Amino acid sequence: MNQYQQPTQYQDHSAAGAVVRNRVLRNTYMLLAISMIPTVAGAWLSLKLGLNQILSPGISMIVFFAGAFGLMFLIERNKNSSAGVGFLLLFTFFMGIMLSRMLGYVLSLGDGANLIMLAFGGTAAIFATMAAIATTTKRDFTHLHKTLIIGAVVIIVAAIANVFLQIPALTLTISLLAIVIFSAFMLVDLQRIVNGGETNYISATLSLYLSIYNVFVSLLSILGITSNE
């Protein structure tokens, strides 16, 4: 009898696994959408109060890394409780404030509002493409994770250096590489959720948010540079 019961148990397990994966993916998408509200609110408030003009680029970078890594630590520390959601929303609000410097610069251009909408549309298109690939392909991309982390570290180091160098060509190169690397991060993270490798929707949301944020910033940077006469 056991040999006939095993397939049934396996099917039940597979069905349960599919339910868990779908729930994690659904909750991730929902929390990701909600997280955009504090981001917009933080950026709007910072622009309204002129906070984007107070800090120098060097001080702003220090505040960014201290705040971002501190909040990410708190999110991961509390990812299994409702406090994790609160810290995530606080993190996205902080990231919106940090985004205001670039938004202020782009809005100072003649077609700044259109450039922001174009960057937003491009980011949405990239995310939709990566989501479609992650849910339909049978090819495993998760093995790229370590390589992508190395690439992200290289980009961060180059970006820090360029805060002081202020070389437009280097900014453009960093932005192009960032779009490629963080788009790939989206694909890997989404595939991990679809395949059941990520079961915590707070951690999944944080990873996807960071990729989306970096792709948007990079697109905005490219559009700002190329449109600035």
Foldseek 3Di string as FASTA:
>chain_A
DVVVVVVVVVVVVVVVLQVLLVVLVVLLVVLLVVLVVLLQVLLVVCVVVVVLVPDQLVVLVVCVVVLLVVLVVVLVVQLPHVVNSVSSSVNSNVNSNSCNNLLVLLVVDPCSVVLLVVLVVVLVVLLVVLLVCLQPDPDQLLVCVVVLVVLVVVLVVLVSVCSVVVDLVSLLVSLVSLLVSLSSQSNNLSNCSSVVVDSRSSVSNVSNSVSSSSNSSSSSSNVSSVRDD
